[in-house]
Full PDB file with SEQRES, HELIX, SHEET, SSBOND, CRYST1, ORIGX, SCALE, CONECT and MASTER records, all heavy atoms in Angstrom:
SEQRES   1 A   30  ARG GLY PRO ARG ASN ALA PHE PRO PHE ILE ASP VAL GLU          
SEQRES   2 A   30  SER TYR LEU PHE VAL ALA GLY GLY ILE GLY ILE THR PRO          
SEQRES   3 A   30  ILE LEU PRO MET                                              
HELIX    1 AA1 GLY A   21  GLY A   23  5                                   3    
HELIX    2 AA2 ILE A   24  ILE A   27  1                                   4    
CRYST1    1.000    1.000    1.000  90.00  90.00  90.00 P 1           1          
ORIGX1      1.000000  0.000000  0.000000        0.00000                         
ORIGX2      0.000000  1.000000  0.000000        0.00000                         
ORIGX3      0.000000  0.000000  1.000000        0.00000                         
SCALE1      1.000000  0.000000  0.000000        0.00000                         
SCALE2      0.000000  1.000000  0.000000        0.00000                         
SCALE3      0.000000  0.000000  1.000000        0.00000                         
ATOM      1  N   ARG A   1     -14.412 -14.274   0.087  1.00  0.00           N  
ATOM      2  CA  ARG A   1     -14.839 -13.500   1.261  1.00  0.00           C  
ATOM      3  C   ARG A   1     -14.324 -12.085   1.088  1.00  0.00           C  
ATOM      4  O   ARG A   1     -13.166 -11.861   0.765  1.00  0.00           O  
ATOM      5  CB  ARG A   1     -14.292 -14.110   2.544  1.00  0.00           C  
ATOM      6  CG  ARG A   1     -14.639 -13.311   3.809  1.00  0.00           C  
ATOM      7  CD  ARG A   1     -14.225 -14.087   5.046  1.00  0.00           C  
ATOM      8  NE  ARG A   1     -14.980 -15.335   5.128  1.00  0.00           N  
ATOM      9  CZ  ARG A   1     -14.567 -16.411   5.805  1.00  0.00           C  
ATOM     10  NH1 ARG A   1     -13.403 -16.393   6.422  1.00  0.00           N  
ATOM     11  NH2 ARG A   1     -15.315 -17.490   5.842  1.00  0.00           N  
ATOM     12  N   GLY A   2     -15.189 -11.128   1.305  1.00  0.00           N  
ATOM     13  CA  GLY A   2     -14.771  -9.741   1.189  1.00  0.00           C  
ATOM     14  C   GLY A   2     -15.766  -8.928   0.401  1.00  0.00           C  
ATOM     15  O   GLY A   2     -16.906  -9.354   0.229  1.00  0.00           O  
ATOM     16  N   PRO A   3     -15.308  -7.778  -0.111  1.00  0.00           N  
ATOM     17  CA  PRO A   3     -13.945  -7.224  -0.045  1.00  0.00           C  
ATOM     18  C   PRO A   3     -13.577  -6.773   1.370  1.00  0.00           C  
ATOM     19  O   PRO A   3     -14.431  -6.304   2.127  1.00  0.00           O  
ATOM     20  CB  PRO A   3     -14.004  -6.022  -0.995  1.00  0.00           C  
ATOM     21  CG  PRO A   3     -15.246  -6.190  -1.792  1.00  0.00           C  
ATOM     22  CD  PRO A   3     -16.193  -6.913  -0.902  1.00  0.00           C  
ATOM     23  N   ARG A   4     -12.294  -6.905   1.665  1.00  0.00           N  
ATOM     24  CA  ARG A   4     -11.743  -6.424   2.925  1.00  0.00           C  
ATOM     25  C   ARG A   4     -10.504  -5.586   2.612  1.00  0.00           C  
ATOM     26  O   ARG A   4      -9.922  -5.707   1.550  1.00  0.00           O  
ATOM     27  CB  ARG A   4     -11.391  -7.596   3.841  1.00  0.00           C  
ATOM     28  CG  ARG A   4     -12.611  -8.483   4.129  1.00  0.00           C  
ATOM     29  CD  ARG A   4     -12.391  -9.386   5.299  1.00  0.00           C  
ATOM     30  NE  ARG A   4     -11.415 -10.427   5.037  1.00  0.00           N  
ATOM     31  CZ  ARG A   4     -10.998 -11.287   5.964  1.00  0.00           C  
ATOM     32  NH1 ARG A   4     -11.444 -11.194   7.197  1.00  0.00           N  
ATOM     33  NH2 ARG A   4     -10.112 -12.225   5.669  1.00  0.00           N  
ATOM     34  N   ASN A   5     -10.122  -4.725   3.561  1.00  0.00           N  
ATOM     35  CA  ASN A   5      -9.061  -3.771   3.238  1.00  0.00           C  
ATOM     36  C   ASN A   5      -8.079  -3.630   4.387  1.00  0.00           C  
ATOM     37  O   ASN A   5      -8.437  -3.191   5.475  1.00  0.00           O  
ATOM     38  CB  ASN A   5      -9.663  -2.405   2.898  1.00  0.00           C  
ATOM     39  CG  ASN A   5      -8.727  -1.561   2.048  1.00  0.00           C  
ATOM     40  OD1 ASN A   5      -7.525  -1.588   2.255  1.00  0.00           O  
ATOM     41  ND2 ASN A   5      -9.264  -0.833   1.098  1.00  0.00           N  
ATOM     42  N   ALA A   6      -6.841  -4.016   4.139  1.00  0.00           N  
ATOM     43  CA  ALA A   6      -5.747  -3.790   5.082  1.00  0.00           C  
ATOM     44  C   ALA A   6      -4.730  -2.804   4.517  1.00  0.00           C  
ATOM     45  O   ALA A   6      -3.645  -2.650   5.058  1.00  0.00           O  
ATOM     46  CB  ALA A   6      -5.061  -5.120   5.407  1.00  0.00           C  
ATOM     47  N   PHE A   7      -5.084  -2.148   3.410  1.00  0.00           N  
ATOM     48  CA  PHE A   7      -4.167  -1.249   2.691  1.00  0.00           C  
ATOM     49  C   PHE A   7      -4.970  -0.026   2.239  1.00  0.00           C  
ATOM     50  O   PHE A   7      -5.108   0.219   1.046  1.00  0.00           O  
ATOM     51  CB  PHE A   7      -3.599  -2.018   1.494  1.00  0.00           C  
ATOM     52  CG  PHE A   7      -2.402  -1.390   0.814  1.00  0.00           C  
ATOM     53  CD1 PHE A   7      -1.463  -0.650   1.506  1.00  0.00           C  
ATOM     54  CD2 PHE A   7      -2.222  -1.597  -0.546  1.00  0.00           C  
ATOM     55  CE1 PHE A   7      -0.364  -0.113   0.854  1.00  0.00           C  
ATOM     56  CE2 PHE A   7      -1.129  -1.069  -1.210  1.00  0.00           C  
ATOM     57  CZ  PHE A   7      -0.199  -0.318  -0.501  1.00  0.00           C  
ATOM     58  N   PRO A   8      -5.521   0.747   3.189  1.00  0.00           N  
ATOM     59  CA  PRO A   8      -6.484   1.788   2.832  1.00  0.00           C  
ATOM     60  C   PRO A   8      -5.876   2.945   2.047  1.00  0.00           C  
ATOM     61  O   PRO A   8      -4.729   3.350   2.285  1.00  0.00           O  
ATOM     62  CB  PRO A   8      -7.022   2.259   4.187  1.00  0.00           C  
ATOM     63  CG  PRO A   8      -5.940   1.909   5.158  1.00  0.00           C  
ATOM     64  CD  PRO A   8      -5.309   0.647   4.639  1.00  0.00           C  
ATOM     65  N   PHE A   9      -6.645   3.469   1.126  1.00  0.00           N  
ATOM     66  CA  PHE A   9      -6.254   4.580   0.273  1.00  0.00           C  
ATOM     67  C   PHE A   9      -6.779   5.871   0.885  1.00  0.00           C  
ATOM     68  O   PHE A   9      -7.978   6.034   1.090  1.00  0.00           O  
ATOM     69  CB  PHE A   9      -6.845   4.367  -1.117  1.00  0.00           C  
ATOM     70  CG  PHE A   9      -6.434   5.414  -2.131  1.00  0.00           C  
ATOM     71  CD1 PHE A   9      -5.109   5.653  -2.403  1.00  0.00           C  
ATOM     72  CD2 PHE A   9      -7.395   6.131  -2.832  1.00  0.00           C  
ATOM     73  CE1 PHE A   9      -4.727   6.589  -3.343  1.00  0.00           C  
ATOM     74  CE2 PHE A   9      -7.033   7.072  -3.779  1.00  0.00           C  
ATOM     75  CZ  PHE A   9      -5.697   7.307  -4.032  1.00  0.00           C  
ATOM     76  N   ILE A  10      -5.874   6.813   1.203  1.00  0.00           N  
ATOM     77  CA  ILE A  10      -6.284   8.052   1.855  1.00  0.00           C  
ATOM     78  C   ILE A  10      -6.421   9.174   0.829  1.00  0.00           C  
ATOM     79  O   ILE A  10      -5.895   9.090  -0.277  1.00  0.00           O  
ATOM     80  CB  ILE A  10      -5.293   8.450   2.976  1.00  0.00           C  
ATOM     81  CG1 ILE A  10      -3.916   8.784   2.395  1.00  0.00           C  
ATOM     82  CG2 ILE A  10      -5.188   7.348   4.013  1.00  0.00           C  
ATOM     83  CD1 ILE A  10      -2.950   9.359   3.425  1.00  0.00           C  
ATOM     84  N   ASP A  11      -7.121  10.200   1.225  1.00  0.00           N  
ATOM     85  CA  ASP A  11      -7.408  11.331   0.333  1.00  0.00           C  
ATOM     86  C   ASP A  11      -6.447  12.477   0.644  1.00  0.00           C  
ATOM     87  O   ASP A  11      -6.552  13.131   1.679  1.00  0.00           O  
ATOM     88  CB  ASP A  11      -8.860  11.771   0.524  1.00  0.00           C  
ATOM     89  CG  ASP A  11      -9.296  12.814  -0.497  1.00  0.00           C  
ATOM     90  OD1 ASP A  11      -8.490  13.144  -1.381  1.00  0.00           O  
ATOM     91  OD2 ASP A  11     -10.444  13.283  -0.407  1.00  0.00           O  
ATOM     92  N   VAL A  12      -5.476  12.686  -0.232  1.00  0.00           N  
ATOM     93  CA  VAL A  12      -4.524  13.786  -0.088  1.00  0.00           C  
ATOM     94  C   VAL A  12      -4.368  14.457  -1.447  1.00  0.00           C  
ATOM     95  O   VAL A  12      -4.973  14.048  -2.437  1.00  0.00           O  
ATOM     96  CB  VAL A  12      -3.148  13.294   0.436  1.00  0.00           C  
ATOM     97  CG1 VAL A  12      -3.263  12.744   1.847  1.00  0.00           C  
ATOM     98  CG2 VAL A  12      -2.561  12.234  -0.494  1.00  0.00           C  
ATOM     99  N   GLU A  13      -3.548  15.495  -1.503  1.00  0.00           N  
ATOM    100  CA  GLU A  13      -3.383  16.240  -2.751  1.00  0.00           C  
ATOM    101  C   GLU A  13      -2.295  15.660  -3.653  1.00  0.00           C  
ATOM    102  O   GLU A  13      -2.278  15.925  -4.854  1.00  0.00           O  
ATOM    103  CB  GLU A  13      -3.061  17.708  -2.436  1.00  0.00           C  
ATOM    104  CG  GLU A  13      -4.203  18.442  -1.743  1.00  0.00           C  
ATOM    105  CD  GLU A  13      -3.860  19.896  -1.484  1.00  0.00           C  
ATOM    106  OE1 GLU A  13      -2.695  20.278  -1.740  1.00  0.00           O  
ATOM    107  OE2 GLU A  13      -4.743  20.641  -1.023  1.00  0.00           O  
ATOM    108  N   SER A  14      -1.368  14.876  -3.066  1.00  0.00           N  
ATOM    109  CA  SER A  14      -0.233  14.398  -3.849  1.00  0.00           C  
ATOM    110  C   SER A  14       0.120  12.966  -3.454  1.00  0.00           C  
ATOM    111  O   SER A  14       0.087  12.619  -2.263  1.00  0.00           O  
ATOM    112  CB  SER A  14       0.978  15.306  -3.621  1.00  0.00           C  
ATOM    113  OG  SER A  14       2.123  14.825  -4.302  1.00  0.00           O  
ATOM    114  N   TYR A  15       0.466  12.157  -4.462  1.00  0.00           N  
ATOM    115  CA  TYR A  15       0.799  10.755  -4.230  1.00  0.00           C  
ATOM    116  C   TYR A  15       2.078  10.371  -4.968  1.00  0.00           C  
ATOM    117  O   TYR A  15       2.350  10.861  -6.064  1.00  0.00           O  
ATOM    118  CB  TYR A  15      -0.315   9.835  -4.755  1.00  0.00           C  
ATOM    119  CG  TYR A  15      -1.666  10.019  -4.122  1.00  0.00           C  
ATOM    120  CD1 TYR A  15      -2.597  10.900  -4.675  1.00  0.00           C  
ATOM    121  CD2 TYR A  15      -2.034   9.294  -2.982  1.00  0.00           C  
ATOM    122  CE1 TYR A  15      -3.843  11.062  -4.110  1.00  0.00           C  
ATOM    123  CE2 TYR A  15      -3.281   9.455  -2.418  1.00  0.00           C  
ATOM    124  CZ  TYR A  15      -4.184  10.340  -2.979  1.00  0.00           C  
ATOM    125  OH  TYR A  15      -5.428  10.498  -2.426  1.00  0.00           O  
ATOM    126  N   LEU A  16       2.811   9.439  -4.351  1.00  0.00           N  
ATOM    127  CA  LEU A  16       3.850   8.698  -5.054  1.00  0.00           C  
ATOM    128  C   LEU A  16       3.503   7.224  -4.913  1.00  0.00           C  
ATOM    129  O   LEU A  16       3.341   6.719  -3.788  1.00  0.00           O  
ATOM    130  CB  LEU A  16       5.229   8.958  -4.447  1.00  0.00           C  
ATOM    131  CG  LEU A  16       6.352   8.041  -4.981  1.00  0.00           C  
ATOM    132  CD1 LEU A  16       6.615   8.294  -6.468  1.00  0.00           C  
ATOM    133  CD2 LEU A  16       7.638   8.215  -4.172  1.00  0.00           C  
ATOM    134  N   PHE A  17       3.367   6.543  -6.041  1.00  0.00           N  
ATOM    135  CA  PHE A  17       3.086   5.115  -6.058  1.00  0.00           C  
ATOM    136  C   PHE A  17       4.323   4.383  -6.579  1.00  0.00           C  
ATOM    137  O   PHE A  17       4.880   4.751  -7.617  1.00  0.00           O  
ATOM    138  CB  PHE A  17       1.903   4.795  -6.967  1.00  0.00           C  
ATOM    139  CG  PHE A  17       0.629   5.513  -6.605  1.00  0.00           C  
ATOM    140  CD1 PHE A  17       0.184   6.592  -7.362  1.00  0.00           C  
ATOM    141  CD2 PHE A  17      -0.125   5.108  -5.512  1.00  0.00           C  
ATOM    142  CE1 PHE A  17      -0.986   7.254  -7.042  1.00  0.00           C  
ATOM    143  CE2 PHE A  17      -1.297   5.772  -5.177  1.00  0.00           C  
ATOM    144  CZ  PHE A  17      -1.732   6.847  -5.941  1.00  0.00           C  
ATOM    145  N   VAL A  18       4.742   3.351  -5.853  1.00  0.00           N  
ATOM    146  CA  VAL A  18       5.858   2.508  -6.287  1.00  0.00           C  
ATOM    147  C   VAL A  18       5.384   1.064  -6.241  1.00  0.00           C  
ATOM    148  O   VAL A  18       5.008   0.556  -5.169  1.00  0.00           O  
ATOM    149  CB  VAL A  18       7.097   2.683  -5.399  1.00  0.00           C  
ATOM    150  CG1 VAL A  18       8.239   1.796  -5.906  1.00  0.00           C  
ATOM    151  CG2 VAL A  18       7.538   4.140  -5.347  1.00  0.00           C  
ATOM    152  N   ALA A  19       5.368   0.412  -7.396  1.00  0.00           N  
ATOM    153  CA  ALA A  19       4.923  -0.980  -7.469  1.00  0.00           C  
ATOM    154  C   ALA A  19       6.014  -1.817  -8.099  1.00  0.00           C  
ATOM    155  O   ALA A  19       6.629  -1.419  -9.096  1.00  0.00           O  
ATOM    156  CB  ALA A  19       3.643  -1.090  -8.290  1.00  0.00           C  
ATOM    157  N   GLY A  20       6.261  -2.967  -7.510  1.00  0.00           N  
ATOM    158  CA  GLY A  20       7.221  -3.913  -8.066  1.00  0.00           C  
ATOM    159  C   GLY A  20       6.518  -5.194  -8.463  1.00  0.00           C  
ATOM    160  O   GLY A  20       5.868  -5.849  -7.640  1.00  0.00           O  
ATOM    161  N   GLY A  21       6.585  -5.563  -9.727  1.00  0.00           N  
ATOM    162  CA  GLY A  21       5.999  -6.811 -10.185  1.00  0.00           C  
ATOM    163  C   GLY A  21       4.510  -6.888  -9.967  1.00  0.00           C  
ATOM    164  O   GLY A  21       3.756  -5.953 -10.273  1.00  0.00           O  
ATOM    165  N   ILE A  22       4.043  -7.994  -9.374  1.00  0.00           N  
ATOM    166  CA  ILE A  22       2.610  -8.197  -9.149  1.00  0.00           C  
ATOM    167  C   ILE A  22       2.081  -7.244  -8.086  1.00  0.00           C  
ATOM    168  O   ILE A  22       0.869  -7.142  -7.883  1.00  0.00           O  
ATOM    169  CB  ILE A  22       2.326  -9.675  -8.775  1.00  0.00           C  
ATOM    170  CG1 ILE A  22       0.845 -10.023  -8.977  1.00  0.00           C  
ATOM    171  CG2 ILE A  22       2.806  -9.968  -7.368  1.00  0.00           C  
ATOM    172  CD1 ILE A  22       0.349  -9.888 -10.387  1.00  0.00           C  
ATOM    173  N   GLY A  23       2.968  -6.482  -7.445  1.00  0.00           N  
ATOM    174  CA  GLY A  23       2.535  -5.428  -6.527  1.00  0.00           C  
ATOM    175  C   GLY A  23       1.725  -4.340  -7.204  1.00  0.00           C  
ATOM    176  O   GLY A  23       1.164  -3.470  -6.536  1.00  0.00           O  
ATOM    177  N   ILE A  24       1.632  -4.380  -8.525  1.00  0.00           N  
ATOM    178  CA  ILE A  24       0.807  -3.409  -9.235  1.00  0.00           C  
ATOM    179  C   ILE A  24      -0.674  -3.614  -8.951  1.00  0.00           C  
ATOM    180  O   ILE A  24      -1.471  -2.684  -9.117  1.00  0.00           O  
ATOM    181  CB  ILE A  24       1.071  -3.505 -10.766  1.00  0.00           C  
ATOM    182  CG1 ILE A  24       0.417  -2.342 -11.522  1.00  0.00           C  
ATOM    183  CG2 ILE A  24       0.596  -4.833 -11.314  1.00  0.00           C  
ATOM    184  CD1 ILE A  24       0.902  -0.969 -11.117  1.00  0.00           C  
ATOM    185  N   THR A  25      -1.084  -4.811  -8.513  1.00  0.00           N  
ATOM    186  CA  THR A  25      -2.518  -5.091  -8.429  1.00  0.00           C  
ATOM    187  C   THR A  25      -3.278  -4.188  -7.457  1.00  0.00           C  
ATOM    188  O   THR A  25      -4.326  -3.656  -7.836  1.00  0.00           O  
ATOM    189  CB  THR A  25      -2.784  -6.573  -8.133  1.00  0.00           C  
ATOM    190  OG1 THR A  25      -2.029  -7.002  -6.997  1.00  0.00           O  
ATOM    191  CG2 THR A  25      -2.413  -7.430  -9.338  1.00  0.00           C  
ATOM    192  N   PRO A  26      -2.820  -3.951  -6.216  1.00  0.00           N  
ATOM    193  CA  PRO A  26      -3.565  -3.004  -5.382  1.00  0.00           C  
ATOM    194  C   PRO A  26      -3.303  -1.553  -5.758  1.00  0.00           C  
ATOM    195  O   PRO A  26      -4.122  -0.672  -5.466  1.00  0.00           O  
ATOM    196  CB  PRO A  26      -3.051  -3.296  -3.970  1.00  0.00           C  
ATOM    197  CG  PRO A  26      -1.671  -3.792  -4.182  1.00  0.00           C  
ATOM    198  CD  PRO A  26      -1.712  -4.574  -5.466  1.00  0.00           C  
ATOM    199  N   ILE A  27      -2.165  -1.289  -6.403  1.00  0.00           N  
ATOM    200  CA  ILE A  27      -1.785   0.081  -6.740  1.00  0.00           C  
ATOM    201  C   ILE A  27      -2.570   0.616  -7.935  1.00  0.00           C  
ATOM    202  O   ILE A  27      -2.935   1.802  -7.976  1.00  0.00           O  
ATOM    203  CB  ILE A  27      -0.269   0.157  -7.025  1.00  0.00           C  
ATOM    204  CG1 ILE A  27       0.547  -0.203  -5.773  1.00  0.00           C  
ATOM    205  CG2 ILE A  27       0.128   1.524  -7.554  1.00  0.00           C  
ATOM    206  CD1 ILE A  27       0.481   0.812  -4.671  1.00  0.00           C  
ATOM    207  N   LEU A  28      -2.863  -0.235  -8.912  1.00  0.00           N  
ATOM    208  CA  LEU A  28      -3.543   0.222 -10.128  1.00  0.00           C  
ATOM    209  C   LEU A  28      -4.853   0.947  -9.834  1.00  0.00           C  
ATOM    210  O   LEU A  28      -5.075   2.054 -10.363  1.00  0.00           O  
ATOM    211  CB  LEU A  28      -3.777  -0.971 -11.063  1.00  0.00           C  
ATOM    212  CG  LEU A  28      -4.580  -0.707 -12.338  1.00  0.00           C  
ATOM    213  CD1 LEU A  28      -3.943   0.372 -13.196  1.00  0.00           C  
ATOM    214  CD2 LEU A  28      -4.739  -2.008 -13.138  1.00  0.00           C  
ATOM    215  N   PRO A  29      -5.765   0.420  -9.002  1.00  0.00           N  
ATOM    216  CA  PRO A  29      -6.985   1.179  -8.708  1.00  0.00           C  
ATOM    217  C   PRO A  29      -6.718   2.494  -7.981  1.00  0.00           C  
ATOM    218  O   PRO A  29      -7.488   3.456  -8.120  1.00  0.00           O  
ATOM    219  CB  PRO A  29      -7.797   0.224  -7.830  1.00  0.00           C  
ATOM    220  CG  PRO A  29      -7.238  -1.126  -8.099  1.00  0.00           C  
ATOM    221  CD  PRO A  29      -5.788  -0.901  -8.374  1.00  0.00           C  
ATOM    222  N   MET A  30      -5.635   2.560  -7.203  1.00  0.00           N  
ATOM    223  CA  MET A  30      -5.286   3.801  -6.510  1.00  0.00           C  
ATOM    224  C   MET A  30      -4.881   4.881  -7.506  1.00  0.00           C  
ATOM    225  O   MET A  30      -5.290   6.038  -7.394  1.00  0.00           O  
ATOM    226  CB  MET A  30      -4.146   3.547  -5.517  1.00  0.00           C  
ATOM    227  CG  MET A  30      -4.499   2.613  -4.384  1.00  0.00           C  
ATOM    228  SD  MET A  30      -3.109   2.439  -3.232  1.00  0.00           S  
ATOM    229  CE  MET A  30      -3.800   1.279  -2.048  1.00  0.00           C  
TER     230      MET A  30                                                      
MASTER        0    0    0    2    0    0    0    6  229    1    0    3          
END                                                                             
């Protein structure tokens, strides 16, 4: 079922991404 999104990616000029372990899965496309 989906795709659905509870972790929306916003449009800004600068990002810091921090992923731990399998937390990389939603972060990688960002």
